[in-house]
Amino acid sequence: TGDDNTSNTLMSYTSQGGPYSTFSPYDIAALNWLYGGDGLRGA
């Protein structure tokens, strides 16, 4: 519950700060896991 807010992830429904113009840290961590920062089917 304490982590579920928009300062950590824009996928949250609980606003904290913002409005944000880029993704929050947990979003970036999840996107890094999925895509590796080097695109589709990179290394």
PDB file of all heavy atoms in Angstrom:
ATOM      1  N   THR A   1       0.820  -1.214   0.000  1.00  0.00           N
ATOM      2  CA  THR A   1       0.000   0.000   0.000  1.00  0.00           C
ATOM      3  C   THR A   1       0.854   1.266   0.000  1.00  0.00           C
ATOM      4  O   THR A   1       0.566   2.227  -0.718  1.00  0.00           O
ATOM      5  CB  THR A   1      -0.934  -0.003   1.218  1.00  0.00           C
ATOM      6  OG1 THR A   1      -1.770  -1.159   1.167  1.00  0.00           O
ATOM      7  CG2 THR A   1      -1.794   1.250   1.244  1.00  0.00           C
ATOM      8  N   GLY A   2       1.932   1.272   0.762  1.00  0.00           N
ATOM      9  CA  GLY A   2       2.776   2.458   0.829  1.00  0.00           C
ATOM     10  C   GLY A   2       3.540   2.743  -0.447  1.00  0.00           C
ATOM     11  O   GLY A   2       3.999   3.875  -0.657  1.00  0.00           O
ATOM     12  N   ASP A   3       3.696   1.738  -1.297  1.00  0.00           N
ATOM     13  CA  ASP A   3       4.408   1.907  -2.571  1.00  0.00           C
ATOM     14  C   ASP A   3       3.481   2.221  -3.736  1.00  0.00           C
ATOM     15  O   ASP A   3       3.937   2.675  -4.787  1.00  0.00           O
ATOM     16  CB  ASP A   3       5.183   0.629  -2.905  1.00  0.00           C
ATOM     17  CG  ASP A   3       6.531   0.573  -2.221  1.00  0.00           C
ATOM     18  OD1 ASP A   3       6.886   1.547  -1.534  1.00  0.00           O
ATOM     19  OD2 ASP A   3       7.222  -0.447  -2.376  1.00  0.00           O
ATOM     20  N   ASP A   4       2.189   1.946  -3.558  1.00  0.00           N
ATOM     21  CA  ASP A   4       1.230   2.051  -4.648  1.00  0.00           C
ATOM     22  C   ASP A   4       0.789   3.502  -4.821  1.00  0.00           C
ATOM     23  O   ASP A   4      -0.274   3.914  -4.357  1.00  0.00           O
ATOM     24  CB  ASP A   4       0.032   1.144  -4.368  1.00  0.00           C
ATOM     25  CG  ASP A   4      -0.965   1.100  -5.511  1.00  0.00           C
ATOM     26  OD1 ASP A   4      -0.781   1.838  -6.497  1.00  0.00           O
ATOM     27  OD2 ASP A   4      -1.946   0.325  -5.418  1.00  0.00           O
ATOM     28  N   ASN A   5       1.621   4.300  -5.500  1.00  0.00           N
ATOM     29  CA  ASN A   5       1.284   5.691  -5.790  1.00  0.00           C
ATOM     30  C   ASN A   5       2.065   6.135  -7.022  1.00  0.00           C
ATOM     31  O   ASN A   5       3.016   5.475  -7.443  1.00  0.00           O
ATOM     32  CB  ASN A   5       1.573   6.598  -4.590  1.00  0.00           C
ATOM     33  CG  ASN A   5       3.030   6.586  -4.188  1.00  0.00           C
ATOM     34  OD1 ASN A   5       3.878   7.142  -4.887  1.00  0.00           O
ATOM     35  ND2 ASN A   5       3.343   5.947  -3.059  1.00  0.00           N
ATOM     36  N   THR A   6       1.648   7.248  -7.603  1.00  0.00           N
ATOM     37  CA  THR A   6       2.201   7.660  -8.888  1.00  0.00           C
ATOM     38  C   THR A   6       3.640   8.157  -8.813  1.00  0.00           C
ATOM     39  O   THR A   6       4.300   8.265  -9.848  1.00  0.00           O
ATOM     40  CB  THR A   6       1.326   8.746  -9.542  1.00  0.00           C
ATOM     41  OG1 THR A   6       1.179   9.850  -8.639  1.00  0.00           O
ATOM     42  CG2 THR A   6      -0.042   8.194  -9.899  1.00  0.00           C
ATOM     43  N   SER A   7       4.152   8.445  -7.623  1.00  0.00           N
ATOM     44  CA  SER A   7       5.565   8.816  -7.552  1.00  0.00           C
ATOM     45  C   SER A   7       6.454   7.603  -7.833  1.00  0.00           C
ATOM     46  O   SER A   7       7.604   7.751  -8.248  1.00  0.00           O
ATOM     47  CB  SER A   7       5.911   9.404  -6.181  1.00  0.00           C
ATOM     48  OG  SER A   7       5.918   8.421  -5.167  1.00  0.00           O
ATOM     49  N   ASN A   8       5.916   6.398  -7.619  1.00  0.00           N
ATOM     50  CA  ASN A   8       6.631   5.166  -7.924  1.00  0.00           C
ATOM     51  C   ASN A   8       6.246   4.596  -9.282  1.00  0.00           C
ATOM     52  O   ASN A   8       7.098   4.071 -10.004  1.00  0.00           O
ATOM     53  CB  ASN A   8       6.358   4.104  -6.855  1.00  0.00           C
ATOM     54  CG  ASN A   8       7.043   4.416  -5.548  1.00  0.00           C
ATOM     55  OD1 ASN A   8       8.170   4.898  -5.523  1.00  0.00           O
ATOM     56  ND2 ASN A   8       6.361   4.149  -4.442  1.00  0.00           N
ATOM     57  N   THR A   9       4.950   4.661  -9.610  1.00  0.00           N
ATOM     58  CA  THR A   9       4.468   4.106 -10.880  1.00  0.00           C
ATOM     59  C   THR A   9       3.251   4.870 -11.373  1.00  0.00           C
ATOM     60  O   THR A   9       2.281   5.066 -10.620  1.00  0.00           O
ATOM     61  CB  THR A   9       4.116   2.616 -10.757  1.00  0.00           C
ATOM     62  OG1 THR A   9       3.416   2.190 -11.943  1.00  0.00           O
ATOM     63  CG2 THR A   9       3.261   2.315  -9.532  1.00  0.00           C
ATOM     64  N   LEU A  10       3.262   5.258 -12.623  1.00  0.00           N
ATOM     65  CA  LEU A  10       2.110   5.927 -13.217  1.00  0.00           C
ATOM     66  C   LEU A  10       0.953   4.963 -13.444  1.00  0.00           C
ATOM     67  O   LEU A  10      -0.145   5.403 -13.791  1.00  0.00           O
ATOM     68  CB  LEU A  10       2.497   6.574 -14.553  1.00  0.00           C
ATOM     69  CG  LEU A  10       3.563   7.662 -14.530  1.00  0.00           C
ATOM     70  CD1 LEU A  10       3.598   8.392 -15.876  1.00  0.00           C
ATOM     71  CD2 LEU A  10       3.339   8.654 -13.399  1.00  0.00           C
ATOM     72  N   MET A  11       1.183   3.673 -13.227  1.00  0.00           N
ATOM     73  CA  MET A  11       0.110   2.693 -13.369  1.00  0.00           C
ATOM     74  C   MET A  11      -0.773   2.674 -12.124  1.00  0.00           C
ATOM     75  O   MET A  11      -1.805   1.998 -12.102  1.00  0.00           O
ATOM     76  CB  MET A  11       0.692   1.298 -13.632  1.00  0.00           C
ATOM     77  CG  MET A  11       1.683   1.239 -14.789  1.00  0.00           C
ATOM     78  SD  MET A  11       1.138   2.084 -16.301  1.00  0.00           S
ATOM     79  CE  MET A  11      -0.244   1.059 -16.788  1.00  0.00           C
ATOM     80  N   SER A  12      -0.390   3.418 -11.088  1.00  0.00           N
ATOM     81  CA  SER A  12      -1.175   3.492  -9.857  1.00  0.00           C
ATOM     82  C   SER A  12      -2.376   4.416 -10.036  1.00  0.00           C
ATOM     83  O   SER A  12      -2.364   5.324 -10.870  1.00  0.00           O
ATOM     84  CB  SER A  12      -0.291   4.009  -8.719  1.00  0.00           C
ATOM     85  OG  SER A  12      -1.053   4.180  -7.536  1.00  0.00           O
ATOM     86  N   TYR A  13      -3.393   4.183  -9.220  1.00  0.00           N
ATOM     87  CA  TYR A  13      -4.549   5.073  -9.162  1.00  0.00           C
ATOM     88  C   TYR A  13      -4.442   6.055  -7.997  1.00  0.00           C
ATOM     89  O   TYR A  13      -5.344   6.873  -7.789  1.00  0.00           O
ATOM     90  CB  TYR A  13      -5.841   4.260  -9.007  1.00  0.00           C
ATOM     91  CG  TYR A  13      -6.424   3.727 -10.301  1.00  0.00           C
ATOM     92  CD1 TYR A  13      -5.708   3.781 -11.487  1.00  0.00           C
ATOM     93  CD2 TYR A  13      -7.694   3.153 -10.321  1.00  0.00           C
ATOM     94  CE1 TYR A  13      -6.247   3.283 -12.669  1.00  0.00           C
ATOM     95  CE2 TYR A  13      -8.246   2.660 -11.491  1.00  0.00           C
ATOM     96  CZ  TYR A  13      -7.512   2.725 -12.668  1.00  0.00           C
ATOM     97  OH  TYR A  13      -8.045   2.237 -13.828  1.00  0.00           O
ATOM     98  N   THR A  14      -3.368   5.985  -7.219  1.00  0.00           N
ATOM     99  CA  THR A  14      -3.195   6.866  -6.067  1.00  0.00           C
ATOM    100  C   THR A  14      -2.184   7.951  -6.415  1.00  0.00           C
ATOM    101  O   THR A  14      -1.000   7.663  -6.606  1.00  0.00           O
ATOM    102  CB  THR A  14      -2.708   6.077  -4.843  1.00  0.00           C
ATOM    103  OG1 THR A  14      -3.642   5.036  -4.551  1.00  0.00           O
ATOM    104  CG2 THR A  14      -2.553   6.989  -3.642  1.00  0.00           C
ATOM    105  N   SER A  15      -2.642   9.182  -6.521  1.00  0.00           N
ATOM    106  CA  SER A  15      -1.766  10.285  -6.922  1.00  0.00           C
ATOM    107  C   SER A  15      -0.883  10.728  -5.765  1.00  0.00           C
ATOM    108  O   SER A  15      -1.348  10.874  -4.639  1.00  0.00           O
ATOM    109  CB  SER A  15      -2.597  11.477  -7.409  1.00  0.00           C
ATOM    110  OG  SER A  15      -3.295  11.152  -8.594  1.00  0.00           O
ATOM    111  N   GLN A  16       0.381  10.932  -6.089  1.00  0.00           N
ATOM    112  CA  GLN A  16       1.322  11.527  -5.141  1.00  0.00           C
ATOM    113  C   GLN A  16       2.294  12.370  -5.943  1.00  0.00           C
ATOM    114  O   GLN A  16       3.103  11.852  -6.704  1.00  0.00           O
ATOM    115  CB  GLN A  16       2.070  10.453  -4.346  1.00  0.00           C
ATOM    116  CG  GLN A  16       3.029  11.039  -3.308  1.00  0.00           C
ATOM    117  CD  GLN A  16       3.573   9.978  -2.370  1.00  0.00           C
ATOM    118  OE1 GLN A  16       2.806   9.264  -1.724  1.00  0.00           O
ATOM    119  NE2 GLN A  16       4.890   9.871  -2.288  1.00  0.00           N
ATOM    120  N   GLY A  17       2.198  13.698  -5.803  1.00  0.00           N
ATOM    121  CA  GLY A  17       2.979  14.587  -6.648  1.00  0.00           C
ATOM    122  C   GLY A  17       2.374  14.646  -8.043  1.00  0.00           C
ATOM    123  O   GLY A  17       1.212  14.306  -8.260  1.00  0.00           O
ATOM    124  N   GLY A  18       3.190  15.123  -8.993  1.00  0.00           N
ATOM    125  CA  GLY A  18       2.719  15.200 -10.368  1.00  0.00           C
ATOM    126  C   GLY A  18       1.900  16.456 -10.623  1.00  0.00           C
ATOM    127  O   GLY A  18       1.823  17.343  -9.781  1.00  0.00           O
ATOM    128  N   PRO A  19       1.294  16.565 -11.815  1.00  0.00           N
ATOM    129  CA  PRO A  19       1.309  15.564 -12.873  1.00  0.00           C
ATOM    130  C   PRO A  19       2.725  15.308 -13.421  1.00  0.00           C
ATOM    131  O   PRO A  19       3.542  16.221 -13.470  1.00  0.00           O
ATOM    132  CB  PRO A  19       0.409  16.157 -13.961  1.00  0.00           C
ATOM    133  CG  PRO A  19      -0.411  17.190 -13.285  1.00  0.00           C
ATOM    134  CD  PRO A  19       0.470  17.744 -12.194  1.00  0.00           C
ATOM    135  N   TYR A  20       2.970  14.063 -13.828  1.00  0.00           N
ATOM    136  CA  TYR A  20       4.279  13.654 -14.290  1.00  0.00           C
ATOM    137  C   TYR A  20       4.360  13.679 -15.818  1.00  0.00           C
ATOM    138  O   TYR A  20       3.386  13.389 -16.507  1.00  0.00           O
ATOM    139  CB  TYR A  20       4.602  12.249 -13.778  1.00  0.00           C
ATOM    140  CG  TYR A  20       4.753  12.201 -12.270  1.00  0.00           C
ATOM    141  CD1 TYR A  20       3.684  11.829 -11.453  1.00  0.00           C
ATOM    142  CD2 TYR A  20       5.948  12.552 -11.666  1.00  0.00           C
ATOM    143  CE1 TYR A  20       3.808  11.802 -10.072  1.00  0.00           C
ATOM    144  CE2 TYR A  20       6.094  12.532 -10.283  1.00  0.00           C
ATOM    145  CZ  TYR A  20       5.025  12.150  -9.495  1.00  0.00           C
ATOM    146  OH  TYR A  20       5.164  12.133  -8.133  1.00  0.00           O
ATOM    147  N   SER A  21       5.551  14.022 -16.303  1.00  0.00           N
ATOM    148  CA  SER A  21       5.768  14.131 -17.747  1.00  0.00           C
ATOM    149  C   SER A  21       6.602  12.987 -18.295  1.00  0.00           C
ATOM    150  O   SER A  21       6.893  12.952 -19.494  1.00  0.00           O
ATOM    151  CB  SER A  21       6.449  15.466 -18.085  1.00  0.00           C
ATOM    152  OG  SER A  21       5.637  16.546 -17.689  1.00  0.00           O
ATOM    153  N   THR A  22       6.997  12.073 -17.426  1.00  0.00           N
ATOM    154  CA  THR A  22       7.696  10.871 -17.865  1.00  0.00           C
ATOM    155  C   THR A  22       7.352   9.764 -16.890  1.00  0.00           C
ATOM    156  O   THR A  22       6.690   9.994 -15.865  1.00  0.00           O
ATOM    157  CB  THR A  22       9.216  11.083 -17.932  1.00  0.00           C
ATOM    158  OG1 THR A  22       9.825   9.951 -18.574  1.00  0.00           O
ATOM    159  CG2 THR A  22       9.811  11.258 -16.543  1.00  0.00           C
ATOM    160  N   PHE A  23       7.776   8.561 -17.194  1.00  0.00           N
ATOM    161  CA  PHE A  23       7.427   7.427 -16.356  1.00  0.00           C
ATOM    162  C   PHE A  23       8.167   7.472 -15.025  1.00  0.00           C
ATOM    163  O   PHE A  23       9.262   8.015 -14.911  1.00  0.00           O
ATOM    164  CB  PHE A  23       7.724   6.122 -17.093  1.00  0.00           C
ATOM    165  CG  PHE A  23       6.753   5.844 -18.206  1.00  0.00           C
ATOM    166  CD1 PHE A  23       7.036   6.213 -19.501  1.00  0.00           C
ATOM    167  CD2 PHE A  23       5.541   5.229 -17.940  1.00  0.00           C
ATOM    168  CE1 PHE A  23       6.139   5.982 -20.524  1.00  0.00           C
ATOM    169  CE2 PHE A  23       4.634   4.994 -18.950  1.00  0.00           C
ATOM    170  CZ  PHE A  23       4.926   5.368 -20.249  1.00  0.00           C
ATOM    171  N   SER A  24       7.562   6.870 -14.012  1.00  0.00           N
ATOM    172  CA  SER A  24       8.133   6.825 -12.668  1.00  0.00           C
ATOM    173  C   SER A  24       9.093   5.637 -12.544  1.00  0.00           C
ATOM    174  O   SER A  24       9.127   4.752 -13.406  1.00  0.00           O
ATOM    175  CB  SER A  24       7.006   6.741 -11.641  1.00  0.00           C
ATOM    176  OG  SER A  24       6.259   7.949 -11.630  1.00  0.00           O
ATOM    177  N   PRO A  25       9.897   5.592 -11.453  1.00  0.00           N
ATOM    178  CA  PRO A  25      10.978   4.594 -11.371  1.00  0.00           C
ATOM    179  C   PRO A  25      10.550   3.139 -11.512  1.00  0.00           C
ATOM    180  O   PRO A  25      11.240   2.345 -12.176  1.00  0.00           O
ATOM    181  CB  PRO A  25      11.577   4.868  -9.989  1.00  0.00           C
ATOM    182  CG  PRO A  25      11.325   6.316  -9.755  1.00  0.00           C
ATOM    183  CD  PRO A  25       9.977   6.576 -10.356  1.00  0.00           C
ATOM    184  N   TYR A  26       9.428   2.732 -10.916  1.00  0.00           N
ATOM    185  CA  TYR A  26       9.032   1.331 -11.025  1.00  0.00           C
ATOM    186  C   TYR A  26       8.597   0.998 -12.457  1.00  0.00           C
ATOM    187  O   TYR A  26       8.789  -0.130 -12.919  1.00  0.00           O
ATOM    188  CB  TYR A  26       7.893   1.000 -10.051  1.00  0.00           C
ATOM    189  CG  TYR A  26       8.266   1.029  -8.583  1.00  0.00           C
ATOM    190  CD1 TYR A  26       9.536   1.396  -8.152  1.00  0.00           C
ATOM    191  CD2 TYR A  26       7.331   0.691  -7.609  1.00  0.00           C
ATOM    192  CE1 TYR A  26       9.869   1.441  -6.802  1.00  0.00           C
ATOM    193  CE2 TYR A  26       7.650   0.721  -6.255  1.00  0.00           C
ATOM    194  CZ  TYR A  26       8.918   1.103  -5.865  1.00  0.00           C
ATOM    195  OH  TYR A  26       9.242   1.138  -4.529  1.00  0.00           O
ATOM    196  N   ASP A  27       7.982   1.963 -13.132  1.00  0.00           N
ATOM    197  CA  ASP A  27       7.617   1.759 -14.536  1.00  0.00           C
ATOM    198  C   ASP A  27       8.867   1.477 -15.365  1.00  0.00           C
ATOM    199  O   ASP A  27       8.888   0.558 -16.198  1.00  0.00           O
ATOM    200  CB  ASP A  27       6.918   2.995 -15.112  1.00  0.00           C
ATOM    201  CG  ASP A  27       5.708   3.424 -14.317  1.00  0.00           C
ATOM    202  OD1 ASP A  27       4.942   2.546 -13.887  1.00  0.00           O
ATOM    203  OD2 ASP A  27       5.540   4.642 -14.130  1.00  0.00           O
ATOM    204  N   ILE A  28       9.894   2.285 -15.151  1.00  0.00           N
ATOM    205  CA  ILE A  28      11.132   2.124 -15.909  1.00  0.00           C
ATOM    206  C   ILE A  28      11.774   0.785 -15.594  1.00  0.00           C
ATOM    207  O   ILE A  28      12.276   0.088 -16.492  1.00  0.00           O
ATOM    208  CB  ILE A  28      12.085   3.295 -15.624  1.00  0.00           C
ATOM    209  CG1 ILE A  28      11.480   4.602 -16.172  1.00  0.00           C
ATOM    210  CG2 ILE A  28      13.464   3.050 -16.254  1.00  0.00           C
ATOM    211  CD1 ILE A  28      12.247   5.847 -15.788  1.00  0.00           C
ATOM    212  N   ALA A  29      11.733   0.376 -14.323  1.00  0.00           N
ATOM    213  CA  ALA A  29      12.289  -0.922 -13.947  1.00  0.00           C
ATOM    214  C   ALA A  29      11.560  -2.056 -14.670  1.00  0.00           C
ATOM    215  O   ALA A  29      12.193  -3.003 -15.164  1.00  0.00           O
ATOM    216  CB  ALA A  29      12.211  -1.112 -12.439  1.00  0.00           C
ATOM    217  N   ALA A  30      10.226  -1.970 -14.745  1.00  0.00           N
ATOM    218  CA  ALA A  30       9.451  -3.008 -15.427  1.00  0.00           C
ATOM    219  C   ALA A  30       9.703  -2.996 -16.929  1.00  0.00           C
ATOM    220  O   ALA A  30       9.817  -4.052 -17.567  1.00  0.00           O
ATOM    221  CB  ALA A  30       7.960  -2.828 -15.131  1.00  0.00           C
ATOM    222  N   LEU A  31       9.803  -1.804 -17.511  1.00  0.00           N
ATOM    223  CA  LEU A  31      10.097  -1.707 -18.945  1.00  0.00           C
ATOM    224  C   LEU A  31      11.506  -2.215 -19.248  1.00  0.00           C
ATOM    225  O   LEU A  31      11.741  -2.844 -20.284  1.00  0.00           O
ATOM    226  CB  LEU A  31       9.913  -0.270 -19.427  1.00  0.00           C
ATOM    227  CG  LEU A  31       8.467   0.252 -19.414  1.00  0.00           C
ATOM    228  CD1 LEU A  31       8.444   1.747 -19.705  1.00  0.00           C
ATOM    229  CD2 LEU A  31       7.599  -0.503 -20.423  1.00  0.00           C
ATOM    230  N   ASN A  32      12.458  -1.942 -18.346  1.00  0.00           N
ATOM    231  CA  ASN A  32      13.802  -2.491 -18.525  1.00  0.00           C
ATOM    232  C   ASN A  32      13.766  -4.019 -18.521  1.00  0.00           C
ATOM    233  O   ASN A  32      14.460  -4.671 -19.314  1.00  0.00           O
ATOM    234  CB  ASN A  32      14.735  -2.007 -17.414  1.00  0.00           C
ATOM    235  CG  ASN A  32      15.171  -0.567 -17.585  1.00  0.00           C
ATOM    236  OD1 ASN A  32      15.034   0.010 -18.656  1.00  0.00           O
ATOM    237  ND2 ASN A  32      15.697   0.023 -16.527  1.00  0.00           N
ATOM    238  N   TRP A  33      12.991  -4.592 -17.628  1.00  0.00           N
ATOM    239  CA  TRP A  33      12.870  -6.047 -17.557  1.00  0.00           C
ATOM    240  C   TRP A  33      12.285  -6.615 -18.851  1.00  0.00           C
ATOM    241  O   TRP A  33      12.777  -7.609 -19.392  1.00  0.00           O
ATOM    242  CB  TRP A  33      11.999  -6.441 -16.362  1.00  0.00           C
ATOM    243  CG  TRP A  33      11.703  -7.906 -16.281  1.00  0.00           C
ATOM    244  CD1 TRP A  33      10.536  -8.541 -16.604  1.00  0.00           C
ATOM    245  CD2 TRP A  33      12.602  -8.935 -15.840  1.00  0.00           C
ATOM    246  NE1 TRP A  33      10.638  -9.885 -16.395  1.00  0.00           N
ATOM    247  CE2 TRP A  33      11.905 -10.164 -15.924  1.00  0.00           C
ATOM    248  CE3 TRP A  33      13.922  -8.938 -15.393  1.00  0.00           C
ATOM    249  CZ2 TRP A  33      12.476 -11.388 -15.570  1.00  0.00           C
ATOM    250  CZ3 TRP A  33      14.500 -10.148 -15.045  1.00  0.00           C
ATOM    251  CH2 TRP A  33      13.792 -11.360 -15.137  1.00  0.00           C
ATOM    252  N   LEU A  34      11.245  -5.957 -19.374  1.00  0.00           N
ATOM    253  CA  LEU A  34      10.581  -6.457 -20.577  1.00  0.00           C
ATOM    254  C   LEU A  34      11.421  -6.268 -21.833  1.00  0.00           C
ATOM    255  O   LEU A  34      11.516  -7.173 -22.675  1.00  0.00           O
ATOM    256  CB  LEU A  34       9.234  -5.753 -20.757  1.00  0.00           C
ATOM    257  CG  LEU A  34       8.130  -6.105 -19.762  1.00  0.00           C
ATOM    258  CD1 LEU A  34       6.937  -5.181 -19.956  1.00  0.00           C
ATOM    259  CD2 LEU A  34       7.711  -7.565 -19.915  1.00  0.00           C
ATOM    260  N   TYR A  35      12.034  -5.075 -21.992  1.00  0.00           N
ATOM    261  CA  TYR A  35      12.645  -4.717 -23.274  1.00  0.00           C
ATOM    262  C   TYR A  35      14.158  -4.524 -23.211  1.00  0.00           C
ATOM    263  O   TYR A  35      14.801  -4.391 -24.267  1.00  0.00           O
ATOM    264  CB  TYR A  35      11.964  -3.462 -23.825  1.00  0.00           C
ATOM    265  CG  TYR A  35      10.480  -3.671 -24.007  1.00  0.00           C
ATOM    266  CD1 TYR A  35       9.556  -3.094 -23.139  1.00  0.00           C
ATOM    267  CD2 TYR A  35       9.998  -4.491 -25.024  1.00  0.00           C
ATOM    268  CE1 TYR A  35       8.193  -3.320 -23.286  1.00  0.00           C
ATOM    269  CE2 TYR A  35       8.633  -4.717 -25.179  1.00  0.00           C
ATOM    270  CZ  TYR A  35       7.735  -4.131 -24.305  1.00  0.00           C
ATOM    271  OH  TYR A  35       6.394  -4.375 -24.457  1.00  0.00           O
ATOM    272  N   GLY A  36      14.726  -4.469 -22.026  1.00  0.00           N
ATOM    273  CA  GLY A  36      16.174  -4.425 -21.891  1.00  0.00           C
ATOM    274  C   GLY A  36      16.828  -3.124 -22.261  1.00  0.00           C
ATOM    275  O   GLY A  36      18.059  -3.028 -22.268  1.00  0.00           O
ATOM    276  N   GLY A  37      16.040  -2.098 -22.601  1.00  0.00           N
ATOM    277  CA  GLY A  37      16.621  -0.817 -22.983  1.00  0.00           C
ATOM    278  C   GLY A  37      17.239  -0.806 -24.359  1.00  0.00           C
ATOM    279  O   GLY A  37      17.692   0.244 -24.831  1.00  0.00           O
ATOM    280  N   ASP A  38      17.276  -1.968 -25.033  1.00  0.00           N
ATOM    281  CA  ASP A  38      17.879  -2.041 -26.372  1.00  0.00           C
ATOM    282  C   ASP A  38      16.893  -2.549 -27.414  1.00  0.00           C
ATOM    283  O   ASP A  38      17.291  -3.087 -28.452  1.00  0.00           O
ATOM    284  CB  ASP A  38      19.145  -2.895 -26.362  1.00  0.00           C
ATOM    285  CG  ASP A  38      18.902  -4.329 -25.902  1.00  0.00           C
ATOM    286  OD1 ASP A  38      17.743  -4.671 -25.571  1.00  0.00           O
ATOM    287  OD2 ASP A  38      19.863  -5.113 -25.879  1.00  0.00           O
ATOM    288  N   GLY A  39      15.597  -2.364 -27.153  1.00  0.00           N
ATOM    289  CA  GLY A  39      14.593  -2.626 -28.163  1.00  0.00           C
ATOM    290  C   GLY A  39      14.083  -4.061 -28.175  1.00  0.00           C
ATOM    291  O   GLY A  39      14.376  -4.872 -27.292  1.00  0.00           O
ATOM    292  N   LEU A  40      13.293  -4.354 -29.203  1.00  0.00           N
ATOM    293  CA  LEU A  40      12.696  -5.674 -29.362  1.00  0.00           C
ATOM    294  C   LEU A  40      13.755  -6.666 -29.827  1.00  0.00           C
ATOM    295  O   LEU A  40      14.441  -6.434 -30.822  1.00  0.00           O
ATOM    296  CB  LEU A  40      11.555  -5.612 -30.375  1.00  0.00           C
ATOM    297  CG  LEU A  40      10.437  -4.601 -30.063  1.00  0.00           C
ATOM    298  CD1 LEU A  40       9.439  -4.549 -31.209  1.00  0.00           C
ATOM    299  CD2 LEU A  40       9.748  -4.937 -28.757  1.00  0.00           C
ATOM    300  N   ARG A  41      13.895  -7.737 -29.076  1.00  0.00           N
ATOM    301  CA  ARG A  41      14.845  -8.806 -29.409  1.00  0.00           C
ATOM    302  C   ARG A  41      16.269  -8.301 -29.527  1.00  0.00           C
ATOM    303  O   ARG A  41      17.018  -8.662 -30.443  1.00  0.00           O
ATOM    304  CB  ARG A  41      14.425  -9.519 -30.695  1.00  0.00           C
ATOM    305  CG  ARG A  41      13.070 -10.198 -30.573  1.00  0.00           C
ATOM    306  CD  ARG A  41      12.694 -10.956 -31.812  1.00  0.00           C
ATOM    307  NE  ARG A  41      11.315 -11.392 -31.731  1.00  0.00           N
ATOM    308  CZ  ARG A  41      10.644 -11.933 -32.732  1.00  0.00           C
ATOM    309  NH1 ARG A  41      11.234 -12.097 -33.906  1.00  0.00           N
ATOM    310  NH2 ARG A  41       9.404 -12.306 -32.581  1.00  0.00           N
ATOM    311  N   GLY A  42      16.639  -7.428 -28.605  1.00  0.00           N
ATOM    312  CA  GLY A  42      18.026  -7.017 -28.517  1.00  0.00           C
ATOM    313  C   GLY A  42      18.807  -8.032 -27.697  1.00  0.00           C
ATOM    314  O   GLY A  42      18.439  -9.205 -27.598  1.00  0.00           O
ATOM    315  N   ALA A  43      19.895  -7.593 -27.091  1.00  0.00           N
ATOM    316  CA  ALA A  43      20.712  -8.499 -26.278  1.00  0.00           C
ATOM    317  C   ALA A  43      20.110  -8.724 -24.894  1.00  0.00           C
ATOM    318  O   ALA A  43      20.467  -9.682 -24.211  1.00  0.00           O
ATOM    319  CB  ALA A  43      22.130  -7.946 -26.141  1.00  0.00           C
TER     320      ALA A  43
END
